[in-house]
Amino acid sequence: MAVAQEKRIEWLEPIEQEQKPRLRRRQSVNKNRRRLAKWQSIMILSVIVGLMASLAAATLHLTVVQGAEVRNLEKEIADLKVSKAQLQMEADQLRAVSRIESAALAMGMEKPAGTVYVTSSLPPLNVLPSAAGQNAVLAAQTAPPPPPETRTTLEKVKEFAQMFTCFFASTQR
């Protein structure tokens, strides 16, 4: 029968002794890394806080400046409304019929006696001054329109526009 020999190896103690300095080195390296990480996070946090503070200050400044501009514009609007009302009153006074009559009389014009008729540049609709004029209008109304083949597109558009305008003019009466 073979029996294994038991050997005592004393290598555990020297390894433990060697590990202690290594642990100290690792602990010192870890402490340095922790300190560095702590300072890095403090610096990053301070940069972020600084950026946010500057952003808040810029926003506040813009808000104050724009608020002042809005107040100035509202003041200008109020002043313009007042001046518009004054100008409207002056225009109404200048348009008054009594002022126009007195200015016309001051220029040497005379007030007309009786009824005054004003002519316009538009042709009369149903009133014709003579029978010859009535005949000309009746002839124009009874004349057949040119055949559709000979009419140009421009004439068709003009005719449509005239019918369109007449329709809406008749609804306005």
C-alpha atoms as a PDB file:
ATOM      1  CA  MET A   1       0.000   0.000   0.000  1.00  0.00           C
ATOM      2  CA  ALA A   2       1.235   3.360  -0.870  1.00  0.00           C
ATOM      3  CA  VAL A   3       0.852   6.157   1.539  1.00  0.00           C
ATOM      4  CA  ALA A   4       1.187   9.719   0.465  1.00  0.00           C
ATOM      5  CA  GLN A   5       3.638  11.697   2.315  1.00  0.00           C
ATOM      6  CA  GLU A   6       2.551  14.754   3.990  1.00  0.00           C
ATOM      7  CA  LYS A   7       4.737  17.680   3.240  1.00  0.00           C
ATOM      8  CA  ARG A   8       4.450  20.872   5.041  1.00  0.00           C
ATOM      9  CA  ILE A   9       4.996  23.747   2.811  1.00  0.00           C
ATOM     10  CA  GLU A  10       5.544  27.003   4.521  1.00  0.00           C
ATOM     11  CA  TRP A  11       4.862  29.158   1.584  1.00  0.00           C
ATOM     12  CA  LEU A  12       1.684  30.642   3.066  1.00  0.00           C
ATOM     13  CA  GLU A  13       3.420  32.953   5.451  1.00  0.00           C
ATOM     14  CA  PRO A  14       5.745  34.588   2.996  1.00  0.00           C
ATOM     15  CA  ILE A  15       2.833  35.128   0.576  1.00  0.00           C
ATOM     16  CA  GLU A  16       0.805  36.823   3.243  1.00  0.00           C
ATOM     17  CA  GLN A  17       3.708  39.046   4.100  1.00  0.00           C
ATOM     18  CA  GLU A  18       4.150  39.937   0.453  1.00  0.00           C
ATOM     19  CA  GLN A  19       0.450  40.631   0.025  1.00  0.00           C
ATOM     20  CA  LYS A  20       0.332  43.226   2.752  1.00  0.00           C
ATOM     21  CA  PRO A  21       2.535  45.727   0.937  1.00  0.00           C
ATOM     22  CA  ARG A  22       0.598  45.123  -2.237  1.00  0.00           C
ATOM     23  CA  LEU A  23      -2.638  45.803  -0.433  1.00  0.00           C
ATOM     24  CA  ARG A  24      -1.215  49.005   0.906  1.00  0.00           C
ATOM     25  CA  ARG A  25      -0.192  50.032  -2.585  1.00  0.00           C
ATOM     26  CA  ARG A  26      -3.613  49.134  -3.905  1.00  0.00           C
ATOM     27  CA  GLN A  27      -5.293  50.972  -1.071  1.00  0.00           C
ATOM     28  CA  SER A  28      -3.195  54.067  -1.694  1.00  0.00           C
ATOM     29  CA  VAL A  29      -3.918  53.865  -5.440  1.00  0.00           C
ATOM     30  CA  ASN A  30      -7.619  53.400  -4.677  1.00  0.00           C
ATOM     31  CA  LYS A  31      -7.542  56.370  -2.292  1.00  0.00           C
ATOM     32  CA  ASN A  32      -5.898  58.505  -4.958  1.00  0.00           C
ATOM     33  CA  ARG A  33      -8.460  57.398  -7.521  1.00  0.00           C
ATOM     34  CA  ARG A  34     -11.284  58.132  -5.093  1.00  0.00           C
ATOM     35  CA  ARG A  35      -9.884  61.586  -4.372  1.00  0.00           C
ATOM     36  CA  LEU A  36      -9.469  62.235  -8.096  1.00  0.00           C
ATOM     37  CA  ALA A  37     -12.992  60.992  -8.831  1.00  0.00           C
ATOM     38  CA  LYS A  38     -14.335  63.146  -5.989  1.00  0.00           C
ATOM     39  CA  TRP A  39     -12.631  66.257  -7.371  1.00  0.00           C
ATOM     40  CA  GLN A  40     -13.725  65.438 -10.895  1.00  0.00           C
ATOM     41  CA  SER A  41     -17.349  65.084  -9.844  1.00  0.00           C
ATOM     42  CA  ILE A  42     -17.119  68.319  -7.842  1.00  0.00           C
ATOM     43  CA  MET A  43     -15.691  70.116 -10.884  1.00  0.00           C
ATOM     44  CA  ILE A  44     -18.318  68.674 -13.223  1.00  0.00           C
ATOM     45  CA  LEU A  45     -21.069  69.620 -10.786  1.00  0.00           C
ATOM     46  CA  SER A  46     -19.700  73.157 -10.419  1.00  0.00           C
ATOM     47  CA  VAL A  47     -19.512  73.539 -14.223  1.00  0.00           C
ATOM     48  CA  ILE A  48     -23.109  72.360 -14.593  1.00  0.00           C
ATOM     49  CA  VAL A  49     -24.307  74.680 -11.811  1.00  0.00           C
ATOM     50  CA  GLY A  50     -22.388  77.573 -13.388  1.00  0.00           C
ATOM     51  CA  LEU A  51     -23.913  76.926 -16.795  1.00  0.00           C
ATOM     52  CA  MET A  52     -27.404  76.684 -15.341  1.00  0.00           C
ATOM     53  CA  ALA A  53     -26.892  79.889 -13.341  1.00  0.00           C
ATOM     54  CA  SER A  54     -25.667  81.768 -16.415  1.00  0.00           C
ATOM     55  CA  LEU A  55     -28.606  80.429 -18.437  1.00  0.00           C
ATOM     56  CA  ALA A  56     -31.026  81.545 -15.733  1.00  0.00           C
ATOM     57  CA  ALA A  57     -29.403  84.990 -15.567  1.00  0.00           C
ATOM     58  CA  ALA A  58     -29.571  85.393 -19.347  1.00  0.00           C
ATOM     59  CA  THR A  59     -33.224  84.320 -19.391  1.00  0.00           C
ATOM     60  CA  LEU A  60     -34.072  86.721 -16.583  1.00  0.00           C
ATOM     61  CA  HIS A  61     -32.258  89.539 -18.362  1.00  0.00           C
ATOM     62  CA  LEU A  62     -34.095  88.856 -21.625  1.00  0.00           C
ATOM     63  CA  THR A  63     -37.416  88.695 -19.795  1.00  0.00           C
ATOM     64  CA  VAL A  64     -36.815  92.028 -18.092  1.00  0.00           C
ATOM     65  CA  VAL A  65     -35.629  93.697 -21.304  1.00  0.00           C
ATOM     66  CA  GLN A  66     -38.534  92.358 -23.347  1.00  0.00           C
ATOM     67  CA  GLY A  67     -40.991  93.316 -20.599  1.00  0.00           C
ATOM     68  CA  ALA A  68     -39.693  96.880 -20.732  1.00  0.00           C
ATOM     69  CA  GLU A  69     -40.015  96.890 -24.512  1.00  0.00           C
ATOM     70  CA  VAL A  70     -43.599  95.632 -24.269  1.00  0.00           C
ATOM     71  CA  ARG A  71     -44.468  98.374 -21.775  1.00  0.00           C
ATOM     72  CA  ASN A  72     -42.915 101.014 -24.062  1.00  0.00           C
ATOM     73  CA  LEU A  73     -44.839  99.670 -27.052  1.00  0.00           C
ATOM     74  CA  GLU A  74     -48.098  99.662 -25.081  1.00  0.00           C
ATOM     75  CA  LYS A  75     -47.448 103.272 -24.099  1.00  0.00           C
ATOM     76  CA  GLU A  76     -46.803 104.165 -27.751  1.00  0.00           C
ATOM     77  CA  ILE A  77     -50.021 102.403 -28.778  1.00  0.00           C
ATOM     78  CA  ALA A  78     -51.999 104.389 -26.214  1.00  0.00           C
ATOM     79  CA  ASP A  79     -50.418 107.652 -27.440  1.00  0.00           C
ATOM     80  CA  LEU A  80     -51.163 106.754 -31.066  1.00  0.00           C
ATOM     81  CA  LYS A  81     -54.784 105.964 -30.210  1.00  0.00           C
ATOM     82  CA  VAL A  82     -55.152 109.371 -28.585  1.00  0.00           C
ATOM     83  CA  SER A  83     -53.595 111.138 -31.568  1.00  0.00           C
ATOM     84  CA  LYS A  84     -55.784 109.099 -33.936  1.00  0.00           C
ATOM     85  CA  ALA A  85     -58.894 110.199 -32.037  1.00  0.00           C
ATOM     86  CA  GLN A  86     -57.765 113.840 -32.231  1.00  0.00           C
ATOM     87  CA  LEU A  87     -57.090 113.553 -35.952  1.00  0.00           C
ATOM     88  CA  GLN A  88     -60.479 111.918 -36.489  1.00  0.00           C
ATOM     89  CA  MET A  89     -62.165 114.820 -34.690  1.00  0.00           C
ATOM     90  CA  GLU A  90     -60.270 117.326 -36.844  1.00  0.00           C
ATOM     91  CA  ALA A  91     -61.230 115.412 -40.003  1.00  0.00           C
ATOM     92  CA  ASP A  92     -64.881 115.374 -38.941  1.00  0.00           C
ATOM     93  CA  GLN A  93     -64.785 119.127 -38.335  1.00  0.00           C
ATOM     94  CA  LEU A  94     -63.204 119.704 -41.750  1.00  0.00           C
ATOM     95  CA  ARG A  95     -65.816 117.485 -43.457  1.00  0.00           C
ATOM     96  CA  ALA A  96     -68.733 119.283 -41.830  1.00  0.00           C
ATOM     97  CA  VAL A  97     -71.192 120.635 -44.411  1.00  0.00           C
ATOM     98  CA  SER A  98     -71.584 123.938 -42.608  1.00  0.00           C
ATOM     99  CA  ARG A  99     -67.819 124.570 -42.696  1.00  0.00           C
ATOM    100  CA  ILE A 100     -67.655 123.673 -46.400  1.00  0.00           C
ATOM    101  CA  GLU A 101     -70.579 126.027 -47.144  1.00  0.00           C
ATOM    102  CA  SER A 102     -68.982 128.892 -45.226  1.00  0.00           C
ATOM    103  CA  ALA A 103     -65.617 128.283 -46.963  1.00  0.00           C
ATOM    104  CA  ALA A 104     -67.331 128.211 -50.378  1.00  0.00           C
ATOM    105  CA  LEU A 105     -69.211 131.434 -49.636  1.00  0.00           C
ATOM    106  CA  ALA A 106     -65.968 133.021 -48.427  1.00  0.00           C
ATOM    107  CA  MET A 107     -64.359 132.152 -51.790  1.00  0.00           C
ATOM    108  CA  GLY A 108     -67.115 133.957 -53.627  1.00  0.00           C
ATOM    109  CA  MET A 109     -69.236 131.000 -54.636  1.00  0.00           C
ATOM    110  CA  GLU A 110     -73.012 131.311 -54.565  1.00  0.00           C
ATOM    111  CA  LYS A 111     -75.506 128.973 -53.045  1.00  0.00           C
ATOM    112  CA  PRO A 112     -77.612 127.415 -55.821  1.00  0.00           C
ATOM    113  CA  ALA A 113     -81.322 128.127 -55.895  1.00  0.00           C
ATOM    114  CA  GLY A 114     -83.719 125.267 -56.471  1.00  0.00           C
ATOM    115  CA  THR A 115     -82.967 121.607 -57.116  1.00  0.00           C
ATOM    116  CA  VAL A 116     -79.531 120.646 -58.360  1.00  0.00           C
ATOM    117  CA  TYR A 117     -78.949 117.520 -60.411  1.00  0.00           C
ATOM    118  CA  VAL A 118     -75.537 115.969 -60.665  1.00  0.00           C
ATOM    119  CA  THR A 119     -74.557 113.999 -63.727  1.00  0.00           C
ATOM    120  CA  SER A 120     -72.381 110.958 -63.564  1.00  0.00           C
ATOM    121  CA  SER A 121     -70.085 109.318 -66.048  1.00  0.00           C
ATOM    122  CA  LEU A 122     -72.168 106.124 -66.015  1.00  0.00           C
ATOM    123  CA  PRO A 123     -74.748 105.665 -68.759  1.00  0.00           C
ATOM    124  CA  PRO A 124     -78.353 105.679 -67.619  1.00  0.00           C
ATOM    125  CA  LEU A 125     -79.926 102.272 -67.162  1.00  0.00           C
ATOM    126  CA  ASN A 126     -83.515 102.593 -68.371  1.00  0.00           C
ATOM    127  CA  VAL A 127     -83.833 106.272 -69.265  1.00  0.00           C
ATOM    128  CA  LEU A 128     -83.057 107.291 -72.836  1.00  0.00           C
ATOM    129  CA  PRO A 129     -83.238 110.934 -73.911  1.00  0.00           C
ATOM    130  CA  SER A 130     -84.528 110.388 -77.443  1.00  0.00           C
ATOM    131  CA  ALA A 131     -86.249 107.849 -79.622  1.00  0.00           C
ATOM    132  CA  ALA A 132     -83.134 107.467 -81.787  1.00  0.00           C
ATOM    133  CA  GLY A 133     -81.149 106.455 -78.720  1.00  0.00           C
ATOM    134  CA  GLN A 134     -83.903 103.989 -77.792  1.00  0.00           C
ATOM    135  CA  ASN A 135     -83.747 102.458 -81.237  1.00  0.00           C
ATOM    136  CA  ALA A 136     -79.960 102.077 -81.026  1.00  0.00           C
ATOM    137  CA  VAL A 137     -80.199 100.392 -77.644  1.00  0.00           C
ATOM    138  CA  LEU A 138     -82.982  98.072 -78.786  1.00  0.00           C
ATOM    139  CA  ALA A 139     -80.968  97.139 -81.875  1.00  0.00           C
ATOM    140  CA  ALA A 140     -77.930  96.359 -79.731  1.00  0.00           C
ATOM    141  CA  GLN A 141     -80.044  94.282 -77.377  1.00  0.00           C
ATOM    142  CA  THR A 142     -81.808  92.335 -80.131  1.00  0.00           C
ATOM    143  CA  ALA A 143     -78.666  91.713 -82.204  1.00  0.00           C
ATOM    144  CA  PRO A 144     -77.655  88.080 -81.987  1.00  0.00           C
ATOM    145  CA  PRO A 145     -74.340  87.409 -80.326  1.00  0.00           C
ATOM    146  CA  PRO A 146     -71.567  86.278 -82.615  1.00  0.00           C
ATOM    147  CA  PRO A 147     -71.367  82.554 -83.168  1.00  0.00           C
ATOM    148  CA  PRO A 148     -69.410  80.733 -80.439  1.00  0.00           C
ATOM    149  CA  GLU A 149     -66.825  79.504 -82.923  1.00  0.00           C
ATOM    150  CA  THR A 150     -65.672  83.025 -83.825  1.00  0.00           C
ATOM    151  CA  ARG A 151     -65.457  84.325 -80.249  1.00  0.00           C
ATOM    152  CA  THR A 152     -62.009  84.323 -78.718  1.00  0.00           C
ATOM    153  CA  THR A 153     -61.214  83.095 -75.247  1.00  0.00           C
ATOM    154  CA  LEU A 154     -60.754  86.667 -74.056  1.00  0.00           C
ATOM    155  CA  GLU A 155     -64.275  87.557 -75.227  1.00  0.00           C
ATOM    156  CA  LYS A 156     -65.676  84.517 -73.435  1.00  0.00           C
ATOM    157  CA  VAL A 157     -63.922  85.499 -70.224  1.00  0.00           C
ATOM    158  CA  LYS A 158     -65.193  89.076 -70.509  1.00  0.00           C
ATOM    159  CA  GLU A 159     -68.737  87.807 -71.049  1.00  0.00           C
ATOM    160  CA  PHE A 160     -68.519  85.484 -68.058  1.00  0.00           C
ATOM    161  CA  ALA A 161     -67.101  88.281 -65.874  1.00  0.00           C
ATOM    162  CA  GLN A 162     -69.925  90.573 -66.954  1.00  0.00           C
ATOM    163  CA  MET A 163     -72.582  87.952 -66.133  1.00  0.00           C
ATOM    164  CA  PHE A 164     -70.894  87.228 -62.797  1.00  0.00           C
ATOM    165  CA  THR A 165     -70.794  90.932 -61.901  1.00  0.00           C
ATOM    166  CA  CYS A 166     -74.420  91.469 -62.969  1.00  0.00           C
ATOM    167  CA  PHE A 167     -75.564  88.557 -60.825  1.00  0.00           C
ATOM    168  CA  PHE A 168     -73.919  89.916 -57.679  1.00  0.00           C
ATOM    169  CA  ALA A 169     -75.016  93.469 -58.474  1.00  0.00           C
ATOM    170  CA  SER A 170     -78.617  92.280 -58.728  1.00  0.00           C
ATOM    171  CA  THR A 171     -78.378  90.547 -55.355  1.00  0.00           C
ATOM    172  CA  GLN A 172     -77.083  93.754 -53.724  1.00  0.00           C
ATOM    173  CA  ARG A 173     -80.177  95.785 -54.662  1.00  0.00           C
END
